Amino acid sequence: MRADRALGCDVIANIVVDFFKSLGQQRIDGAVNAVNAKKMGAIAKAKSSAAKQFNKAVDAPLKAAKGAAKGGGGPAKKDAPKAEGGSVGWFSKKKAEPEQQQAAEEFGGAERTVAIDLGAINRSTFKPVVGWVVVLNGELRGRDFRLVDGKNTMGTAADCDVVLTDPYLSSKHTVIRHENGVFTVSDLDSTNGTFVNDRRITRYDIIDNDKIRLGRTELKFKSLE
């Protein structure tokens, strides 16, 4: 009889021990799961932040290139509406056109990641430097202006390629063109005329070290060719 009672006590003791072991393991597992959940949340947040920063870095030169291509030349307005489809970048989404919408839905969704070739944009807007002019007198003395392949307008207007501050200049005074290796200066019907080597000209082919005078501003021309 005593042996039976002792055996029953041992069984009860084992049941109680197993119960507390199970309870303790459940609490440990719960704590581990909570830590893992916080860890995964932090990783997801870091990835999202990195993606936003990457898109911001990609969008900045692209917007600048688009503004230059359109002739804007200035920073975009803060209150300007965003283009349809959101910002452009490797992590952005582009809204499909009606024809693309139907095709996209057939393949499981309308949104696709869009990749932008920044190199192609830069190549389309880049013009090589072929020479420069240096101001010899006045408040801009010593200032040099680069000349690019094609047309280079000179005057007091803010949209000129070479902006000078001489009050005796017209807003669009003259232009220097570089075509097929030849530099040509052409007067743009200015009030006070254009001079090359102290001779008034209407159109004249210039060479390295020629002196150009616009109003009262004297410049020395340098060629890279």
C-alpha atoms as a PDB file:
ATOM      1  CA  MET A   1       0.000   0.000   0.000  1.00  0.00           C
ATOM      2  CA  ARG A   2       2.849   2.355   0.917  1.00  0.00           C
ATOM      3  CA  ALA A   3       4.631   1.492  -2.311  1.00  0.00           C
ATOM      4  CA  ASP A   4       1.529   2.420  -4.325  1.00  0.00           C
ATOM      5  CA  ARG A   5       1.233   5.777  -2.552  1.00  0.00           C
ATOM      6  CA  ALA A   6       4.932   6.529  -3.128  1.00  0.00           C
ATOM      7  CA  LEU A   7       4.566   5.668  -6.799  1.00  0.00           C
ATOM      8  CA  GLY A   8       1.565   7.979  -7.095  1.00  0.00           C
ATOM      9  CA  CYS A   9       3.510  10.859  -5.520  1.00  0.00           C
ATOM     10  CA  ASP A  10       6.378  10.336  -7.960  1.00  0.00           C
ATOM     11  CA  VAL A  11       3.969  10.442 -10.910  1.00  0.00           C
ATOM     12  CA  ILE A  12       2.388  13.675  -9.667  1.00  0.00           C
ATOM     13  CA  ALA A  13       5.816  15.224  -9.076  1.00  0.00           C
ATOM     14  CA  ASN A  14       6.896  14.330 -12.612  1.00  0.00           C
ATOM     15  CA  ILE A  15       3.693  15.834 -14.049  1.00  0.00           C
ATOM     16  CA  VAL A  16       4.279  19.096 -12.129  1.00  0.00           C
ATOM     17  CA  VAL A  17       7.922  19.266 -13.265  1.00  0.00           C
ATOM     18  CA  ASP A  18       6.930  18.643 -16.893  1.00  0.00           C
ATOM     19  CA  PHE A  19       4.246  21.323 -16.652  1.00  0.00           C
ATOM     20  CA  PHE A  20       6.690  23.978 -15.430  1.00  0.00           C
ATOM     21  CA  LYS A  21       9.266  22.927 -18.017  1.00  0.00           C
ATOM     22  CA  SER A  22       6.682  23.327 -20.784  1.00  0.00           C
ATOM     23  CA  LEU A  23       5.535  26.684 -19.405  1.00  0.00           C
ATOM     24  CA  GLY A  24       9.107  27.940 -19.201  1.00  0.00           C
ATOM     25  CA  GLN A  25       9.894  26.810 -22.748  1.00  0.00           C
ATOM     26  CA  GLN A  26       6.786  28.586 -24.063  1.00  0.00           C
ATOM     27  CA  ARG A  27       7.856  31.836 -22.433  1.00  0.00           C
ATOM     28  CA  ILE A  28      11.387  31.477 -23.830  1.00  0.00           C
ATOM     29  CA  ASP A  29      10.030  30.764 -27.323  1.00  0.00           C
ATOM     30  CA  GLY A  30       7.743  33.803 -27.093  1.00  0.00           C
ATOM     31  CA  ALA A  31      10.624  36.070 -26.105  1.00  0.00           C
ATOM     32  CA  VAL A  32      12.801  34.739 -28.974  1.00  0.00           C
ATOM     33  CA  ASN A  33       9.976  35.295 -31.489  1.00  0.00           C
ATOM     34  CA  ALA A  34       9.472  38.868 -30.259  1.00  0.00           C
ATOM     35  CA  VAL A  35      13.189  39.636 -30.661  1.00  0.00           C
ATOM     36  CA  ASN A  36      13.226  38.117 -34.161  1.00  0.00           C
ATOM     37  CA  ALA A  37      10.152  40.168 -35.146  1.00  0.00           C
ATOM     38  CA  LYS A  38      11.828  43.404 -34.012  1.00  0.00           C
ATOM     39  CA  LYS A  39      14.989  42.428 -35.868  1.00  0.00           C
ATOM     40  CA  MET A  40      13.110  41.781 -39.144  1.00  0.00           C
ATOM     41  CA  GLY A  41      11.202  45.073 -38.734  1.00  0.00           C
ATOM     42  CA  ALA A  42      14.453  46.998 -38.312  1.00  0.00           C
ATOM     43  CA  ILE A  43      15.951  45.316 -41.417  1.00  0.00           C
ATOM     44  CA  ALA A  44      12.860  46.150 -43.509  1.00  0.00           C
ATOM     45  CA  LYS A  45      12.941  49.773 -42.323  1.00  0.00           C
ATOM     46  CA  ALA A  46      16.644  50.078 -43.184  1.00  0.00           C
ATOM     47  CA  LYS A  47      16.049  48.654 -46.683  1.00  0.00           C
ATOM     48  CA  SER A  48      13.190  51.085 -47.282  1.00  0.00           C
ATOM     49  CA  SER A  49      15.308  54.034 -46.147  1.00  0.00           C
ATOM     50  CA  ALA A  50      18.208  52.941 -48.385  1.00  0.00           C
ATOM     51  CA  ALA A  51      15.860  52.636 -51.373  1.00  0.00           C
ATOM     52  CA  LYS A  52      14.512  56.174 -50.811  1.00  0.00           C
ATOM     53  CA  GLN A  53      18.018  57.626 -50.564  1.00  0.00           C
ATOM     54  CA  PHE A  54      19.090  55.780 -53.736  1.00  0.00           C
ATOM     55  CA  ASN A  55      16.070  57.080 -55.691  1.00  0.00           C
ATOM     56  CA  LYS A  56      16.764  60.610 -54.444  1.00  0.00           C
ATOM     57  CA  ALA A  57      20.383  60.420 -55.610  1.00  0.00           C
ATOM     58  CA  VAL A  58      19.301  59.083 -59.022  1.00  0.00           C
ATOM     59  CA  ASP A  59      16.480  61.622 -59.502  1.00  0.00           C
ATOM     60  CA  ALA A  60      18.651  64.717 -58.828  1.00  0.00           C
ATOM     61  CA  PRO A  61      20.990  64.476 -61.880  1.00  0.00           C
ATOM     62  CA  LEU A  62      18.120  63.264 -64.065  1.00  0.00           C
ATOM     63  CA  LYS A  63      15.959  66.311 -63.219  1.00  0.00           C
ATOM     64  CA  ALA A  64      18.933  68.613 -63.793  1.00  0.00           C
ATOM     65  CA  ALA A  65      19.596  67.005 -67.199  1.00  0.00           C
ATOM     66  CA  LYS A  66      15.931  67.340 -68.178  1.00  0.00           C
ATOM     67  CA  GLY A  67      15.896  71.004 -67.102  1.00  0.00           C
ATOM     68  CA  ALA A  68      19.042  71.713 -69.124  1.00  0.00           C
ATOM     69  CA  ALA A  69      17.626  69.930 -72.185  1.00  0.00           C
ATOM     70  CA  LYS A  70      14.455  72.064 -72.002  1.00  0.00           C
ATOM     71  CA  GLY A  71      16.470  75.251 -71.528  1.00  0.00           C
ATOM     72  CA  GLY A  72      15.185  75.835 -67.997  1.00  0.00           C
ATOM     73  CA  GLY A  73      18.630  75.973 -66.373  1.00  0.00           C
ATOM     74  CA  GLY A  74      17.207  76.582 -62.866  1.00  0.00           C
ATOM     75  CA  PRO A  75      16.080  74.475 -59.941  1.00  0.00           C
ATOM     76  CA  ALA A  76      12.645  72.954 -60.077  1.00  0.00           C
ATOM     77  CA  LYS A  77       9.917  74.758 -58.082  1.00  0.00           C
ATOM     78  CA  LYS A  78       9.083  73.161 -54.776  1.00  0.00           C
ATOM     79  CA  ASP A  79       5.344  73.483 -55.368  1.00  0.00           C
ATOM     80  CA  ALA A  80       5.476  72.066 -58.896  1.00  0.00           C
ATOM     81  CA  PRO A  81       3.214  69.008 -59.314  1.00  0.00           C
ATOM     82  CA  LYS A  82       4.961  65.684 -59.535  1.00  0.00           C
ATOM     83  CA  ALA A  83       4.933  63.823 -62.822  1.00  0.00           C
ATOM     84  CA  GLU A  84       2.363  61.057 -63.110  1.00  0.00           C
ATOM     85  CA  GLY A  85       3.762  57.784 -61.919  1.00  0.00           C
ATOM     86  CA  GLY A  86       6.024  59.201 -59.163  1.00  0.00           C
ATOM     87  CA  SER A  87       9.763  59.765 -59.056  1.00  0.00           C
ATOM     88  CA  VAL A  88      12.088  58.061 -61.505  1.00  0.00           C
ATOM     89  CA  GLY A  89      14.644  55.485 -60.396  1.00  0.00           C
ATOM     90  CA  TRP A  90      15.426  51.817 -60.134  1.00  0.00           C
ATOM     91  CA  PHE A  91      12.996  51.386 -57.223  1.00  0.00           C
ATOM     92  CA  SER A  92      10.146  53.507 -58.633  1.00  0.00           C
ATOM     93  CA  LYS A  93       6.976  52.442 -60.373  1.00  0.00           C
ATOM     94  CA  LYS A  94       5.732  53.767 -63.723  1.00  0.00           C
ATOM     95  CA  LYS A  95       2.060  53.860 -64.641  1.00  0.00           C
ATOM     96  CA  ALA A  96       1.455  51.904 -67.825  1.00  0.00           C
ATOM     97  CA  GLU A  97      -0.243  53.341 -70.890  1.00  0.00           C
ATOM     98  CA  PRO A  98      -3.684  51.901 -71.840  1.00  0.00           C
ATOM     99  CA  GLU A  99      -2.156  49.480 -74.370  1.00  0.00           C
ATOM    100  CA  GLN A 100       0.569  48.470 -71.933  1.00  0.00           C
ATOM    101  CA  GLN A 101      -1.983  48.156 -69.122  1.00  0.00           C
ATOM    102  CA  GLN A 102      -3.829  45.328 -70.863  1.00  0.00           C
ATOM    103  CA  ALA A 103      -0.618  43.501 -71.763  1.00  0.00           C
ATOM    104  CA  ALA A 104       0.738  43.929 -68.256  1.00  0.00           C
ATOM    105  CA  GLU A 105      -2.432  42.562 -66.648  1.00  0.00           C
ATOM    106  CA  GLU A 106      -2.129  39.450 -68.799  1.00  0.00           C
ATOM    107  CA  PHE A 107       1.311  38.858 -67.288  1.00  0.00           C
ATOM    108  CA  GLY A 108       0.265  39.370 -63.700  1.00  0.00           C
ATOM    109  CA  GLY A 109       0.345  43.108 -62.990  1.00  0.00           C
ATOM    110  CA  ALA A 110       0.435  46.626 -64.409  1.00  0.00           C
ATOM    111  CA  GLU A 111       3.429  48.005 -62.504  1.00  0.00           C
ATOM    112  CA  ARG A 112       7.019  47.469 -63.577  1.00  0.00           C
ATOM    113  CA  THR A 113      10.360  48.725 -62.270  1.00  0.00           C
ATOM    114  CA  VAL A 114      11.826  51.342 -64.638  1.00  0.00           C
ATOM    115  CA  ALA A 115      15.603  51.684 -65.223  1.00  0.00           C
ATOM    116  CA  ILE A 116      17.017  54.975 -66.535  1.00  0.00           C
ATOM    117  CA  ASP A 117      20.231  55.182 -68.563  1.00  0.00           C
ATOM    118  CA  LEU A 118      21.827  58.373 -67.180  1.00  0.00           C
ATOM    119  CA  GLY A 119      24.783  57.948 -69.515  1.00  0.00           C
ATOM    120  CA  ALA A 120      22.520  58.320 -72.556  1.00  0.00           C
ATOM    121  CA  ILE A 121      21.021  61.517 -71.136  1.00  0.00           C
ATOM    122  CA  ASN A 122      24.450  62.998 -70.460  1.00  0.00           C
ATOM    123  CA  ARG A 123      25.654  62.078 -73.954  1.00  0.00           C
ATOM    124  CA  SER A 124      22.642  63.788 -75.521  1.00  0.00           C
ATOM    125  CA  THR A 125      23.252  67.105 -73.677  1.00  0.00           C
ATOM    126  CA  PHE A 126      27.065  67.163 -73.569  1.00  0.00           C
ATOM    127  CA  LYS A 127      29.009  69.486 -75.878  1.00  0.00           C
ATOM    128  CA  PRO A 128      32.824  69.365 -75.930  1.00  0.00           C
ATOM    129  CA  VAL A 129      34.844  72.475 -75.052  1.00  0.00           C
ATOM    130  CA  VAL A 130      36.743  73.712 -78.141  1.00  0.00           C
ATOM    131  CA  GLY A 131      38.251  76.965 -76.836  1.00  0.00           C
ATOM    132  CA  TRP A 132      37.718  79.941 -74.567  1.00  0.00           C
ATOM    133  CA  VAL A 133      37.879  83.738 -74.340  1.00  0.00           C
ATOM    134  CA  VAL A 134      39.609  85.697 -71.567  1.00  0.00           C
ATOM    135  CA  VAL A 135      38.518  89.217 -70.536  1.00  0.00           C
ATOM    136  CA  LEU A 136      41.498  91.627 -70.679  1.00  0.00           C
ATOM    137  CA  ASN A 137      40.023  94.731 -69.001  1.00  0.00           C
ATOM    138  CA  GLY A 138      37.170  96.068 -66.877  1.00  0.00           C
ATOM    139  CA  GLU A 139      35.597  94.557 -63.786  1.00  0.00           C
ATOM    140  CA  LEU A 140      35.679  91.065 -65.318  1.00  0.00           C
ATOM    141  CA  ARG A 141      39.399  91.218 -66.119  1.00  0.00           C
ATOM    142  CA  GLY A 142      40.999  87.769 -65.931  1.00  0.00           C
ATOM    143  CA  ARG A 143      37.640  85.979 -66.175  1.00  0.00           C
ATOM    144  CA  ASP A 144      37.592  83.187 -68.754  1.00  0.00           C
ATOM    145  CA  PHE A 145      34.578  81.752 -70.551  1.00  0.00           C
ATOM    146  CA  ARG A 146      34.538  78.350 -72.221  1.00  0.00           C
ATOM    147  CA  LEU A 147      33.380  77.962 -75.803  1.00  0.00           C
ATOM    148  CA  VAL A 148      31.645  74.773 -76.914  1.00  0.00           C
ATOM    149  CA  ASP A 149      31.098  73.170 -80.276  1.00  0.00           C
ATOM    150  CA  GLY A 150      28.303  74.950 -82.131  1.00  0.00           C
ATOM    151  CA  LYS A 151      26.889  78.376 -81.193  1.00  0.00           C
ATOM    152  CA  ASN A 152      28.110  80.606 -78.325  1.00  0.00           C
ATOM    153  CA  THR A 153      26.129  83.854 -77.902  1.00  0.00           C
ATOM    154  CA  MET A 154      27.759  86.835 -76.154  1.00  0.00           C
ATOM    155  CA  GLY A 155      26.080  89.853 -74.577  1.00  0.00           C
ATOM    156  CA  THR A 156      24.453  91.181 -71.399  1.00  0.00           C
ATOM    157  CA  ALA A 157      21.331  88.983 -71.451  1.00  0.00           C
ATOM    158  CA  ALA A 158      21.175  86.336 -68.731  1.00  0.00           C
ATOM    159  CA  ASP A 159      20.523  83.570 -71.263  1.00  0.00           C
ATOM    160  CA  CYS A 160      23.721  84.270 -73.248  1.00  0.00           C
ATOM    161  CA  ASP A 161      26.451  81.629 -73.174  1.00  0.00           C
ATOM    162  CA  VAL A 162      29.007  84.356 -72.375  1.00  0.00           C
ATOM    163  CA  VAL A 163      27.410  86.993 -70.110  1.00  0.00           C
ATOM    164  CA  LEU A 164      29.304  90.303 -69.897  1.00  0.00           C
ATOM    165  CA  THR A 165      28.502  93.370 -67.758  1.00  0.00           C
ATOM    166  CA  ASP A 166      29.639  96.121 -70.133  1.00  0.00           C
ATOM    167  CA  PRO A 167      26.870  98.811 -70.445  1.00  0.00           C
ATOM    168  CA  TYR A 168      28.034  99.479 -74.023  1.00  0.00           C
ATOM    169  CA  LEU A 169      27.041  95.947 -75.112  1.00  0.00           C
ATOM    170  CA  SER A 170      23.729  94.887 -76.597  1.00  0.00           C
ATOM    171  CA  SER A 171      21.735  92.136 -74.902  1.00  0.00           C
ATOM    172  CA  LYS A 172      22.643  89.755 -77.748  1.00  0.00           C
ATOM    173  CA  HIS A 173      25.773  91.410 -79.115  1.00  0.00           C
ATOM    174  CA  THR A 174      27.677  88.776 -81.096  1.00  0.00           C
ATOM    175  CA  VAL A 175      28.064  85.043 -81.555  1.00  0.00           C
ATOM    176  CA  ILE A 176      31.069  82.752 -81.940  1.00  0.00           C
ATOM    177  CA  ARG A 177      30.377  79.580 -83.904  1.00  0.00           C
ATOM    178  CA  HIS A 178      32.557  76.500 -84.148  1.00  0.00           C
ATOM    179  CA  GLU A 179      31.772  74.272 -87.114  1.00  0.00           C
ATOM    180  CA  ASN A 180      34.052  71.795 -88.905  1.00  0.00           C
ATOM    181  CA  GLY A 181      37.096  73.065 -87.023  1.00  0.00           C
ATOM    182  CA  VAL A 182      36.532  76.730 -87.977  1.00  0.00           C
ATOM    183  CA  PHE A 183      35.734  79.545 -85.516  1.00  0.00           C
ATOM    184  CA  THR A 184      33.592  82.388 -86.862  1.00  0.00           C
ATOM    185  CA  VAL A 185      32.586  85.642 -85.120  1.00  0.00           C
ATOM    186  CA  SER A 186      29.332  87.245 -86.317  1.00  0.00           C
ATOM    187  CA  ASP A 187      27.892  90.562 -85.144  1.00  0.00           C
ATOM    188  CA  LEU A 188      24.192  90.388 -84.186  1.00  0.00           C
ATOM    189  CA  ASP A 189      23.280  93.902 -85.374  1.00  0.00           C
ATOM    190  CA  SER A 190      24.677  95.360 -82.152  1.00  0.00           C
ATOM    191  CA  THR A 191      24.584  99.097 -81.460  1.00  0.00           C
ATOM    192  CA  ASN A 192      28.336  99.587 -80.972  1.00  0.00           C
ATOM    193  CA  GLY A 193      29.598  96.846 -83.273  1.00  0.00           C
ATOM    194  CA  THR A 194      32.068  93.957 -83.015  1.00  0.00           C
ATOM    195  CA  PHE A 195      35.812  94.362 -83.620  1.00  0.00           C
ATOM    196  CA  VAL A 196      38.522  91.765 -84.329  1.00  0.00           C
ATOM    197  CA  ASN A 197      42.111  92.997 -84.036  1.00  0.00           C
ATOM    198  CA  ASP A 198      40.779  96.601 -83.972  1.00  0.00           C
ATOM    199  CA  ARG A 199      38.848  96.209 -87.233  1.00  0.00           C
ATOM    200  CA  ARG A 200      35.045  96.351 -87.251  1.00  0.00           C
ATOM    201  CA  ILE A 201      33.545  93.213 -88.730  1.00  0.00           C
ATOM    202  CA  THR A 202      30.190  91.726 -89.626  1.00  0.00           C
ATOM    203  CA  ARG A 203      31.476  88.187 -89.982  1.00  0.00           C
ATOM    204  CA  TYR A 204      35.042  87.037 -89.550  1.00  0.00           C
ATOM    205  CA  ASP A 205      36.972  83.753 -89.165  1.00  0.00           C
ATOM    206  CA  ILE A 206      39.177  84.010 -86.082  1.00  0.00           C
ATOM    207  CA  ILE A 207      42.294  82.077 -85.095  1.00  0.00           C
ATOM    208  CA  ASP A 208      44.203  81.487 -81.868  1.00  0.00           C
ATOM    209  CA  ASN A 209      45.302  84.679 -80.018  1.00  0.00           C
ATOM    210  CA  ASP A 210      43.017  87.031 -81.986  1.00  0.00           C
ATOM    211  CA  LYS A 211      41.649  89.956 -79.936  1.00  0.00           C
ATOM    212  CA  ILE A 212      37.918  90.658 -79.907  1.00  0.00           C
ATOM    213  CA  ARG A 213      36.348  93.920 -78.717  1.00  0.00           C
ATOM    214  CA  LEU A 214      32.673  94.193 -77.805  1.00  0.00           C
ATOM    215  CA  GLY A 215      31.636  97.671 -76.635  1.00  0.00           C
ATOM    216  CA  ARG A 216      34.525  98.560 -74.309  1.00  0.00           C
ATOM    217  CA  THR A 217      35.302  94.976 -73.328  1.00  0.00           C
ATOM    218  CA  GLU A 218      38.433  93.410 -74.820  1.00  0.00           C
ATOM    219  CA  LEU A 219      38.830  89.641 -74.983  1.00  0.00           C
ATOM    220  CA  LYS A 220      41.562  87.316 -76.134  1.00  0.00           C
ATOM    221  CA  PHE A 221      40.500  84.216 -78.041  1.00  0.00           C
ATOM    222  CA  LYS A 222      42.206  80.860 -77.435  1.00  0.00           C
ATOM    223  CA  SER A 223      41.590  77.719 -79.457  1.00  0.00           C
ATOM    224  CA  LEU A 224      42.122  74.114 -78.399  1.00  0.00           C
ATOM    225  CA  GLU A 225      42.575  73.001 -82.001  1.00  0.00           C
END
